[in-house]
């Protein structure tokens, strides 16, 4: 997917606590909600021992509005209380990108 540059990436890196405790449902709900937000562009996520979720946004205002969204705030509080043993958030300006895609 080619996004118009520049755009912003919010990189959420984390380690989880034991058990699901409602995490999977909330993660699905937050993905759907984020996609409805003005300025949202795309979403990618991977989890092994370390989880990484990257959301892409048009601008810093869209990111601030997403952070302040009331439903997202509920998920943030539950994350601190129940789901994460550690996390880090990075907000990056993407000015350039490239990819490799081997077609079989």
C-alpha atoms as a PDB file:
ATOM      1  CA  UNK A   1       0.000   0.000   0.000  1.00  0.00           C
ATOM      2  CA  UNK A   2       1.442   3.334  -1.059  1.00  0.00           C
ATOM      3  CA  UNK A   3       0.666   6.194   1.334  1.00  0.00           C
ATOM      4  CA  UNK A   4       1.157   9.829   0.369  1.00  0.00           C
ATOM      5  CA  UNK A   5       4.266  11.159   2.085  1.00  0.00           C
ATOM      6  CA  UNK A   6       4.990  12.585   4.456  1.00  0.00           C
ATOM      7  CA  UNK A   7       2.760  10.854   7.008  1.00  0.00           C
ATOM      8  CA  UNK A   8       3.148   9.765  10.623  1.00  0.00           C
ATOM      9  CA  UNK A   9       3.604   6.342  12.188  1.00  0.00           C
ATOM     10  CA  UNK A  10       2.705   5.561  15.783  1.00  0.00           C
ATOM     11  CA  UNK A  11       4.747   2.523  16.821  1.00  0.00           C
ATOM     12  CA  UNK A  12       3.383   0.778  19.919  1.00  0.00           C
ATOM     13  CA  UNK A  13       5.840  -1.863  21.176  1.00  0.00           C
ATOM     14  CA  UNK A  14       4.871  -3.966  24.193  1.00  0.00           C
ATOM     15  CA  UNK A  15       5.138  -7.100  26.266  1.00  0.00           C
ATOM     16  CA  UNK A  16       1.984  -8.693  27.620  1.00  0.00           C
ATOM     17  CA  UNK A  17       0.992 -10.041  31.006  1.00  0.00           C
ATOM     18  CA  UNK A  18      -0.260 -13.638  31.313  1.00  0.00           C
ATOM     19  CA  UNK A  19      -3.727 -14.525  30.041  1.00  0.00           C
ATOM     20  CA  UNK A  20      -6.087 -12.789  27.647  1.00  0.00           C
ATOM     21  CA  UNK A  21      -8.306 -11.017  30.211  1.00  0.00           C
ATOM     22  CA  UNK A  22     -10.415  -9.476  27.433  1.00  0.00           C
ATOM     23  CA  UNK A  23      -7.396  -8.229  25.482  1.00  0.00           C
ATOM     24  CA  UNK A  24      -8.214  -9.853  22.123  1.00  0.00           C
ATOM     25  CA  UNK A  25     -11.715  -8.393  21.965  1.00  0.00           C
ATOM     26  CA  UNK A  26     -10.506  -4.931  22.967  1.00  0.00           C
ATOM     27  CA  UNK A  27      -7.682  -5.068  20.399  1.00  0.00           C
ATOM     28  CA  UNK A  28     -10.218  -5.903  17.671  1.00  0.00           C
ATOM     29  CA  UNK A  29     -12.527  -3.120  18.872  1.00  0.00           C
ATOM     30  CA  UNK A  30      -9.685  -0.569  18.920  1.00  0.00           C
ATOM     31  CA  UNK A  31      -8.563  -1.522  15.418  1.00  0.00           C
ATOM     32  CA  UNK A  32     -12.099  -0.980  14.105  1.00  0.00           C
ATOM     33  CA  UNK A  33     -12.455   2.298  16.004  1.00  0.00           C
ATOM     34  CA  UNK A  34      -9.083   3.618  14.812  1.00  0.00           C
ATOM     35  CA  UNK A  35     -10.049   2.939  11.200  1.00  0.00           C
ATOM     36  CA  UNK A  36     -13.083   5.220  11.669  1.00  0.00           C
ATOM     37  CA  UNK A  37     -11.008   8.182  12.924  1.00  0.00           C
ATOM     38  CA  UNK A  38     -10.332  11.221  10.726  1.00  0.00           C
ATOM     39  CA  UNK A  39      -6.732  11.127   9.522  1.00  0.00           C
ATOM     40  CA  UNK A  40      -6.292   7.345   9.938  1.00  0.00           C
ATOM     41  CA  UNK A  41      -4.377   5.785   7.030  1.00  0.00           C
ATOM     42  CA  UNK A  42      -3.394   2.185   7.796  1.00  0.00           C
ATOM     43  CA  UNK A  43      -2.641  -0.380  10.520  1.00  0.00           C
ATOM     44  CA  UNK A  44      -0.159  -3.261  10.949  1.00  0.00           C
ATOM     45  CA  UNK A  45       0.390  -5.570  13.891  1.00  0.00           C
ATOM     46  CA  UNK A  46       2.529  -8.563  14.861  1.00  0.00           C
ATOM     47  CA  UNK A  47       2.906 -10.478  18.097  1.00  0.00           C
ATOM     48  CA  UNK A  48       5.321 -13.063  19.345  1.00  0.00           C
ATOM     49  CA  UNK A  49       7.067 -12.502  22.665  1.00  0.00           C
ATOM     50  CA  UNK A  50       7.130  -8.837  21.704  1.00  0.00           C
ATOM     51  CA  UNK A  51       4.065  -7.112  20.269  1.00  0.00           C
ATOM     52  CA  UNK A  52       4.352  -4.326  17.723  1.00  0.00           C
ATOM     53  CA  UNK A  53       1.410  -2.363  16.391  1.00  0.00           C
ATOM     54  CA  UNK A  54       1.939   0.452  13.929  1.00  0.00           C
ATOM     55  CA  UNK A  55      -0.816   2.846  12.974  1.00  0.00           C
ATOM     56  CA  UNK A  56      -0.332   5.403  10.219  1.00  0.00           C
ATOM     57  CA  UNK A  57      -1.841   8.889  10.335  1.00  0.00           C
ATOM     58  CA  UNK A  58      -2.056  11.983   8.155  1.00  0.00           C
ATOM     59  CA  UNK A  59      -0.841  14.401  10.836  1.00  0.00           C
ATOM     60  CA  UNK A  60      -0.072  14.986  14.506  1.00  0.00           C
ATOM     61  CA  UNK A  61      -3.545  16.412  15.164  1.00  0.00           C
ATOM     62  CA  UNK A  62      -5.152  13.122  14.075  1.00  0.00           C
ATOM     63  CA  UNK A  63      -2.810  11.225  16.425  1.00  0.00           C
ATOM     64  CA  UNK A  64      -3.655  13.546  19.336  1.00  0.00           C
ATOM     65  CA  UNK A  65      -7.377  13.133  18.658  1.00  0.00           C
ATOM     66  CA  UNK A  66      -7.002   9.341  18.622  1.00  0.00           C
ATOM     67  CA  UNK A  67      -5.095   9.387  21.910  1.00  0.00           C
ATOM     68  CA  UNK A  68      -7.854  11.533  23.447  1.00  0.00           C
ATOM     69  CA  UNK A  69     -10.727   9.363  22.143  1.00  0.00           C
ATOM     70  CA  UNK A  70     -12.767   8.276  25.184  1.00  0.00           C
ATOM     71  CA  UNK A  71     -13.083   4.607  24.165  1.00  0.00           C
ATOM     72  CA  UNK A  72      -9.357   4.519  23.418  1.00  0.00           C
ATOM     73  CA  UNK A  73      -8.659   6.069  26.849  1.00  0.00           C
ATOM     74  CA  UNK A  74     -10.593   3.185  28.479  1.00  0.00           C
ATOM     75  CA  UNK A  75      -8.412   0.702  26.563  1.00  0.00           C
ATOM     76  CA  UNK A  76      -5.253   2.593  27.595  1.00  0.00           C
ATOM     77  CA  UNK A  77      -6.200   2.386  31.292  1.00  0.00           C
ATOM     78  CA  UNK A  78      -7.034  -1.333  31.011  1.00  0.00           C
ATOM     79  CA  UNK A  79      -3.734  -1.893  29.229  1.00  0.00           C
ATOM     80  CA  UNK A  80      -1.790  -0.405  32.122  1.00  0.00           C
ATOM     81  CA  UNK A  81      -3.894  -2.229  34.717  1.00  0.00           C
ATOM     82  CA  UNK A  82      -4.372  -5.648  33.101  1.00  0.00           C
ATOM     83  CA  UNK A  83      -2.587  -6.342  29.815  1.00  0.00           C
ATOM     84  CA  UNK A  84       0.927  -4.918  29.576  1.00  0.00           C
ATOM     85  CA  UNK A  85       4.011  -5.486  31.656  1.00  0.00           C
ATOM     86  CA  UNK A  86       5.876  -2.908  29.515  1.00  0.00           C
ATOM     87  CA  UNK A  87       5.238  -0.675  26.536  1.00  0.00           C
ATOM     88  CA  UNK A  88       6.799   2.123  24.535  1.00  0.00           C
ATOM     89  CA  UNK A  89       5.173   4.501  22.052  1.00  0.00           C
ATOM     90  CA  UNK A  90       7.134   6.189  19.280  1.00  0.00           C
ATOM     91  CA  UNK A  91       5.721   8.794  16.928  1.00  0.00           C
ATOM     92  CA  UNK A  92       7.679   9.115  13.701  1.00  0.00           C
ATOM     93  CA  UNK A  93       7.468  11.211  10.566  1.00  0.00           C
ATOM     94  CA  UNK A  94       7.754   9.010   7.470  1.00  0.00           C
ATOM     95  CA  UNK A  95       9.376  10.908   4.638  1.00  0.00           C
ATOM     96  CA  UNK A  96      10.611   8.000   2.552  1.00  0.00           C
ATOM     97  CA  UNK A  97       9.859   4.314   2.171  1.00  0.00           C
ATOM     98  CA  UNK A  98      10.710   1.411  -0.084  1.00  0.00           C
ATOM     99  CA  UNK A  99       9.844  -2.272  -0.247  1.00  0.00           C
ATOM    100  CA  UNK A 100      10.723  -5.587  -1.811  1.00  0.00           C
ATOM    101  CA  UNK A 101       8.000  -7.935  -3.031  1.00  0.00           C
ATOM    102  CA  UNK A 102       9.071 -11.167  -4.690  1.00  0.00           C
ATOM    103  CA  UNK A 103       6.264 -12.343  -6.948  1.00  0.00           C
ATOM    104  CA  UNK A 104       6.110 -16.117  -7.414  1.00  0.00           C
END
